PDB file of all heavy atoms in Angstrom:
ATOM      1  N   ARG A   1       0.813  -1.251   0.052  1.00  0.00           N
ATOM      2  CA  ARG A   1       0.039   0.032   0.041  1.00  0.00           C
ATOM      3  C   ARG A   1       0.830   1.269  -0.042  1.00  0.00           C
ATOM      4  O   ARG A   1       0.532   2.194  -0.574  1.00  0.00           O
ATOM      5  CB  ARG A   1      -0.892  -0.004   1.187  1.00  0.00           C
ATOM      6  CG  ARG A   1      -1.970  -1.010   1.106  1.00  0.00           C
ATOM      7  CD  ARG A   1      -2.851  -1.109   2.286  1.00  0.00           C
ATOM      8  NE  ARG A   1      -3.707   0.179   2.493  1.00  0.00           N
ATOM      9  CZ  ARG A   1      -4.287   0.398   3.643  1.00  0.00           C
ATOM     10  NH1 ARG A   1      -4.338  -0.404   4.694  1.00  0.00           N
ATOM     11  NH2 ARG A   1      -4.872   1.598   3.748  1.00  0.00           N
ATOM     12  N   ILE A   2       1.944   1.189   0.678  1.00  0.00           N
ATOM     13  CA  ILE A   2       2.931   2.383   0.694  1.00  0.00           C
ATOM     14  C   ILE A   2       3.564   2.610  -0.748  1.00  0.00           C
ATOM     15  O   ILE A   2       3.431   3.664  -1.210  1.00  0.00           O
ATOM     16  CB  ILE A   2       4.051   2.072   1.767  1.00  0.00           C
ATOM     17  CG1 ILE A   2       3.647   2.214   3.155  1.00  0.00           C
ATOM     18  CG2 ILE A   2       5.175   3.128   1.473  1.00  0.00           C
ATOM     19  CD1 ILE A   2       4.510   1.788   4.197  1.00  0.00           C
ATOM     20  N   VAL A   3       3.882   1.486  -1.477  1.00  0.00           N
ATOM     21  CA  VAL A   3       4.390   1.578  -2.712  1.00  0.00           C
ATOM     22  C   VAL A   3       3.329   2.230  -3.639  1.00  0.00           C
ATOM     23  O   VAL A   3       3.652   3.120  -4.538  1.00  0.00           O
ATOM     24  CB  VAL A   3       4.765   0.200  -3.290  1.00  0.00           C
ATOM     25  CG1 VAL A   3       5.100   0.233  -4.782  1.00  0.00           C
ATOM     26  CG2 VAL A   3       6.143  -0.269  -2.536  1.00  0.00           C
ATOM     27  N   LYS A   4       2.076   1.769  -3.511  1.00  0.00           N
ATOM     28  CA  LYS A   4       1.046   2.284  -4.472  1.00  0.00           C
ATOM     29  C   LYS A   4       0.880   3.766  -4.088  1.00  0.00           C
ATOM     30  O   LYS A   4       0.638   4.521  -5.120  1.00  0.00           O
ATOM     31  CB  LYS A   4      -0.215   1.500  -4.091  1.00  0.00           C
ATOM     32  CG  LYS A   4      -1.366   1.898  -5.046  1.00  0.00           C
ATOM     33  CD  LYS A   4      -2.552   1.048  -5.009  1.00  0.00           C
ATOM     34  CE  LYS A   4      -3.687   1.544  -5.873  1.00  0.00           C
ATOM     35  NZ  LYS A   4      -4.986   0.890  -5.448  1.00  0.00           N
ATOM     36  N   ALA A   5       0.897   4.232  -2.890  1.00  0.00           N
ATOM     37  CA  ALA A   5       0.762   5.649  -2.663  1.00  0.00           C
ATOM     38  C   ALA A   5       1.938   6.446  -3.025  1.00  0.00           C
ATOM     39  O   ALA A   5       1.626   7.487  -3.567  1.00  0.00           O
ATOM     40  CB  ALA A   5       0.553   5.758  -1.104  1.00  0.00           C
ATOM     41  N   VAL A   6       3.171   5.899  -3.042  1.00  0.00           N
ATOM     42  CA  VAL A   6       4.170   6.604  -3.678  1.00  0.00           C
ATOM     43  C   VAL A   6       4.134   6.719  -5.014  1.00  0.00           C
ATOM     44  O   VAL A   6       4.242   7.889  -5.727  1.00  0.00           O
ATOM     45  CB  VAL A   6       5.586   5.832  -3.307  1.00  0.00           C
ATOM     46  CG1 VAL A   6       6.702   6.536  -3.979  1.00  0.00           C
ATOM     47  CG2 VAL A   6       5.892   5.871  -1.765  1.00  0.00           C
ATOM     48  N   GLN A   7       3.643   5.766  -5.734  1.00  0.00           N
ATOM     49  CA  GLN A   7       3.496   5.763  -7.193  1.00  0.00           C
ATOM     50  C   GLN A   7       2.388   6.773  -7.600  1.00  0.00           C
ATOM     51  O   GLN A   7       2.496   7.358  -8.653  1.00  0.00           O
ATOM     52  CB  GLN A   7       3.117   4.408  -7.809  1.00  0.00           C
ATOM     53  CG  GLN A   7       4.299   3.467  -7.727  1.00  0.00           C
ATOM     54  CD  GLN A   7       3.958   1.895  -8.032  1.00  0.00           C
ATOM     55  OE1 GLN A   7       2.641   1.582  -7.818  1.00  0.00           O
ATOM     56  NE2 GLN A   7       4.973   1.157  -8.338  1.00  0.00           N
ATOM     57  N   GLU A   8       1.427   6.952  -6.807  1.00  0.00           N
ATOM     58  CA  GLU A   8       0.380   7.914  -7.064  1.00  0.00           C
ATOM     59  C   GLU A   8       0.696   9.191  -6.560  1.00  0.00           C
ATOM     60  O   GLU A   8      -0.155  10.233  -6.802  1.00  0.00           O
ATOM     61  CB  GLU A   8      -0.956   7.395  -6.365  1.00  0.00           C
ATOM     62  CG  GLU A   8      -1.509   6.055  -7.007  1.00  0.00           C
ATOM     63  CD  GLU A   8      -2.621   5.584  -6.095  1.00  0.00           C
ATOM     64  OE1 GLU A   8      -2.941   6.071  -5.079  1.00  0.00           O
ATOM     65  OE2 GLU A   8      -3.340   4.672  -6.520  1.00  0.00           O
ATOM     66  N   GLY A   9       1.829   9.432  -5.903  1.00  0.00           N
ATOM     67  CA  GLY A   9       2.280  10.714  -5.331  1.00  0.00           C
ATOM     68  C   GLY A   9       1.327  11.253  -4.232  1.00  0.00           C
ATOM     69  O   GLY A   9       1.364  12.385  -3.842  1.00  0.00           O
ATOM     70  N   ARG A  10       0.740  10.271  -3.467  1.00  0.00           N
ATOM     71  CA  ARG A  10      -0.084  10.677  -2.349  1.00  0.00           C
ATOM     72  C   ARG A  10       0.850  10.544  -1.057  1.00  0.00           C
ATOM     73  O   ARG A  10       0.685   9.515  -0.223  1.00  0.00           O
ATOM     74  CB  ARG A  10      -1.295   9.725  -2.232  1.00  0.00           C
ATOM     75  CG  ARG A  10      -2.131   9.899  -3.617  1.00  0.00           C
ATOM     76  CD  ARG A  10      -3.265   8.847  -3.539  1.00  0.00           C
ATOM     77  NE  ARG A  10      -4.205   9.053  -2.343  1.00  0.00           N
ATOM     78  CZ  ARG A  10      -5.155   8.240  -2.055  1.00  0.00           C
ATOM     79  NH1 ARG A  10      -5.435   7.209  -2.688  1.00  0.00           N
ATOM     80  NH2 ARG A  10      -5.888   8.555  -1.043  1.00  0.00           N
ATOM     81  N   TRP A  11       1.549  11.585  -0.772  1.00  0.00           N
ATOM     82  CA  TRP A  11       2.513  11.469   0.257  1.00  0.00           C
ATOM     83  C   TRP A  11       1.860  11.637   1.666  1.00  0.00           C
ATOM     84  O   TRP A  11       2.434  10.979   2.572  1.00  0.00           O
ATOM     85  CB  TRP A  11       3.634  12.684   0.109  1.00  0.00           C
ATOM     86  CG  TRP A  11       4.404  12.380  -1.132  1.00  0.00           C
ATOM     87  CD1 TRP A  11       4.254  12.931  -2.449  1.00  0.00           C
ATOM     88  CD2 TRP A  11       5.430  11.435  -1.308  1.00  0.00           C
ATOM     89  NE1 TRP A  11       5.123  12.398  -3.262  1.00  0.00           N
ATOM     90  CE2 TRP A  11       5.779  11.391  -2.599  1.00  0.00           C
ATOM     91  CE3 TRP A  11       5.958  10.498  -0.422  1.00  0.00           C
ATOM     92  CZ2 TRP A  11       6.877  10.608  -3.052  1.00  0.00           C
ATOM     93  CZ3 TRP A  11       7.003   9.638  -0.967  1.00  0.00           C
ATOM     94  CH2 TRP A  11       7.395   9.653  -2.229  1.00  0.00           C
ATOM     95  N   GLY A  12       0.814  12.339   1.789  1.00  0.00           N
ATOM     96  CA  GLY A  12       0.056  12.122   3.036  1.00  0.00           C
ATOM     97  C   GLY A  12      -0.349  10.714   3.435  1.00  0.00           C
ATOM     98  O   GLY A  12      -0.312  10.263   4.632  1.00  0.00           O
ATOM     99  N   LYS A  13      -0.770  10.096   2.389  1.00  0.00           N
ATOM    100  CA  LYS A  13      -1.213   8.576   2.704  1.00  0.00           C
ATOM    101  C   LYS A  13       0.080   7.739   2.958  1.00  0.00           C
ATOM    102  O   LYS A  13       0.031   6.811   3.809  1.00  0.00           O
ATOM    103  CB  LYS A  13      -1.945   8.069   1.437  1.00  0.00           C
ATOM    104  CG  LYS A  13      -2.407   6.670   1.611  1.00  0.00           C
ATOM    105  CD  LYS A  13      -3.416   6.270   0.603  1.00  0.00           C
ATOM    106  CE  LYS A  13      -3.976   4.866   0.959  1.00  0.00           C
ATOM    107  NZ  LYS A  13      -5.006   4.391  -0.051  1.00  0.00           N
ATOM    108  N   VAL A  14       1.181   8.091   2.310  1.00  0.00           N
ATOM    109  CA  VAL A  14       2.488   7.318   2.389  1.00  0.00           C
ATOM    110  C   VAL A  14       2.732   7.542   3.940  1.00  0.00           C
ATOM    111  O   VAL A  14       3.089   6.536   4.686  1.00  0.00           O
ATOM    112  CB  VAL A  14       3.595   7.828   1.600  1.00  0.00           C
ATOM    113  CG1 VAL A  14       4.881   7.310   2.100  1.00  0.00           C
ATOM    114  CG2 VAL A  14       3.309   7.503   0.226  1.00  0.00           C
ATOM    115  N   HIS A  15       2.713   8.732   4.477  1.00  0.00           N
ATOM    116  CA  HIS A  15       3.106   9.000   5.818  1.00  0.00           C
ATOM    117  C   HIS A  15       2.182   8.319   6.833  1.00  0.00           C
ATOM    118  O   HIS A  15       2.551   7.713   7.820  1.00  0.00           O
ATOM    119  CB  HIS A  15       3.209  10.449   6.188  1.00  0.00           C
ATOM    120  CG  HIS A  15       4.284  11.232   5.373  1.00  0.00           C
ATOM    121  ND1 HIS A  15       4.280  12.481   4.993  1.00  0.00           N
ATOM    122  CD2 HIS A  15       5.406  10.713   4.896  1.00  0.00           C
ATOM    123  CE1 HIS A  15       5.299  12.803   4.317  1.00  0.00           C
ATOM    124  NE2 HIS A  15       6.067  11.745   4.295  1.00  0.00           N
ATOM    125  N   ALA A  16       0.917   8.271   6.517  1.00  0.00           N
ATOM    126  CA  ALA A  16      -0.111   7.642   7.397  1.00  0.00           C
ATOM    127  C   ALA A  16       0.125   6.052   7.453  1.00  0.00           C
ATOM    128  O   ALA A  16       0.051   5.422   8.436  1.00  0.00           O
ATOM    129  CB  ALA A  16      -1.541   7.895   6.935  1.00  0.00           C
ATOM    130  N   LEU A  17       0.405   5.566   6.233  1.00  0.00           N
ATOM    131  CA  LEU A  17       0.647   4.097   6.172  1.00  0.00           C
ATOM    132  C   LEU A  17       1.914   3.725   6.979  1.00  0.00           C
ATOM    133  O   LEU A  17       2.080   2.669   7.578  1.00  0.00           O
ATOM    134  CB  LEU A  17       0.701   3.544   4.694  1.00  0.00           C
ATOM    135  CG  LEU A  17      -0.710   3.684   4.000  1.00  0.00           C
ATOM    136  CD1 LEU A  17      -0.494   3.445   2.634  1.00  0.00           C
ATOM    137  CD2 LEU A  17      -1.553   2.627   4.657  1.00  0.00           C
ATOM    138  N   GLN A  18       2.995   4.615   6.713  1.00  0.00           N
ATOM    139  CA  GLN A  18       4.204   4.316   7.496  1.00  0.00           C
ATOM    140  C   GLN A  18       4.008   4.460   9.020  1.00  0.00           C
ATOM    141  O   GLN A  18       4.536   3.632   9.641  1.00  0.00           O
ATOM    142  CB  GLN A  18       5.333   5.407   7.139  1.00  0.00           C
ATOM    143  CG  GLN A  18       5.797   5.152   5.652  1.00  0.00           C
ATOM    144  CD  GLN A  18       6.852   6.243   5.312  1.00  0.00           C
ATOM    145  OE1 GLN A  18       6.704   7.383   5.576  1.00  0.00           O
ATOM    146  NE2 GLN A  18       7.889   5.778   4.593  1.00  0.00           N
ATOM    147  N   HIS A  19       3.237   5.336   9.444  1.00  0.00           N
ATOM    148  CA  HIS A  19       2.941   5.467  10.767  1.00  0.00           C
ATOM    149  C   HIS A  19       2.155   4.174  11.269  1.00  0.00           C
ATOM    150  O   HIS A  19       2.457   3.628  12.371  1.00  0.00           O
ATOM    151  CB  HIS A  19       2.029   6.670  11.124  1.00  0.00           C
ATOM    152  CG  HIS A  19       1.602   6.939  12.605  1.00  0.00           C
ATOM    153  ND1 HIS A  19       2.394   7.475  13.397  1.00  0.00           N
ATOM    154  CD2 HIS A  19       0.509   6.445  13.163  1.00  0.00           C
ATOM    155  CE1 HIS A  19       1.719   7.437  14.610  1.00  0.00           C
ATOM    156  NE2 HIS A  19       0.636   6.953  14.559  1.00  0.00           N
ATOM    157  N   LEU A  20       1.162   3.777  10.461  1.00  0.00           N
ATOM    158  CA  LEU A  20       0.464   2.612  10.785  1.00  0.00           C
ATOM    159  C   LEU A  20       1.349   1.284  10.940  1.00  0.00           C
ATOM    160  O   LEU A  20       1.331   0.564  11.854  1.00  0.00           O
ATOM    161  CB  LEU A  20      -0.621   2.265   9.707  1.00  0.00           C
ATOM    162  CG  LEU A  20      -1.539   1.055   9.917  1.00  0.00           C
ATOM    163  CD1 LEU A  20      -2.279   1.137  11.317  1.00  0.00           C
ATOM    164  CD2 LEU A  20      -2.467   0.896   8.765  1.00  0.00           C
ATOM    165  N   LEU A  21       2.311   1.229  10.009  1.00  0.00           N
ATOM    166  CA  LEU A  21       3.296   0.098   9.901  1.00  0.00           C
ATOM    167  C   LEU A  21       4.196   0.208  11.191  1.00  0.00           C
ATOM    168  O   LEU A  21       4.381  -0.837  11.774  1.00  0.00           O
ATOM    169  CB  LEU A  21       4.092  -0.018   8.733  1.00  0.00           C
ATOM    170  CG  LEU A  21       5.185  -0.987   8.491  1.00  0.00           C
ATOM    171  CD1 LEU A  21       4.603  -2.466   8.665  1.00  0.00           C
ATOM    172  CD2 LEU A  21       5.835  -0.901   7.172  1.00  0.00           C
ATOM    173  N   THR A  22       4.859   1.276  11.447  1.00  0.00           N
ATOM    174  CA  THR A  22       5.700   1.366  12.595  1.00  0.00           C
ATOM    175  C   THR A  22       5.017   1.302  14.001  1.00  0.00           C
ATOM    176  O   THR A  22       5.797   1.163  14.897  1.00  0.00           O
ATOM    177  CB  THR A  22       6.544   2.691  12.436  1.00  0.00           C
ATOM    178  OG1 THR A  22       5.650   3.810  12.515  1.00  0.00           O
ATOM    179  CG2 THR A  22       7.493   2.750  11.155  1.00  0.00           C
ATOM    180  N   HIS A  23       3.733   1.484  13.929  1.00  0.00           N
ATOM    181  CA  HIS A  23       3.034   1.388  15.355  1.00  0.00           C
ATOM    182  C   HIS A  23       2.316  -0.043  15.340  1.00  0.00           C
ATOM    183  O   HIS A  23       1.638  -0.292  16.400  1.00  0.00           O
ATOM    184  CB  HIS A  23       2.106   2.489  15.456  1.00  0.00           C
ATOM    185  CG  HIS A  23       2.727   3.817  15.718  1.00  0.00           C
ATOM    186  ND1 HIS A  23       3.505   4.496  14.808  1.00  0.00           N
ATOM    187  CD2 HIS A  23       2.973   4.425  16.988  1.00  0.00           C
ATOM    188  CE1 HIS A  23       4.036   5.526  15.426  1.00  0.00           C
ATOM    189  NE2 HIS A  23       3.745   5.519  16.612  1.00  0.00           N
ATOM    190  N   SER A  24       2.331  -0.808  14.349  1.00  0.00           N
ATOM    191  CA  SER A  24       1.671  -2.090  14.340  1.00  0.00           C
ATOM    192  C   SER A  24       2.308  -3.125  15.040  1.00  0.00           C
ATOM    193  O   SER A  24       3.640  -3.171  15.191  1.00  0.00           O
ATOM    194  CB  SER A  24       1.467  -2.583  12.850  1.00  0.00           C
ATOM    195  OG  SER A  24       2.562  -3.057  12.239  1.00  0.00           O
TER     196      SER A  24
END
């Protein structure tokens, strides 16, 4: 999901998914 968000240029979503991953 992070890769897909990066490819779409959705950096807010990238950061949210990274936060979710590092807190999971």
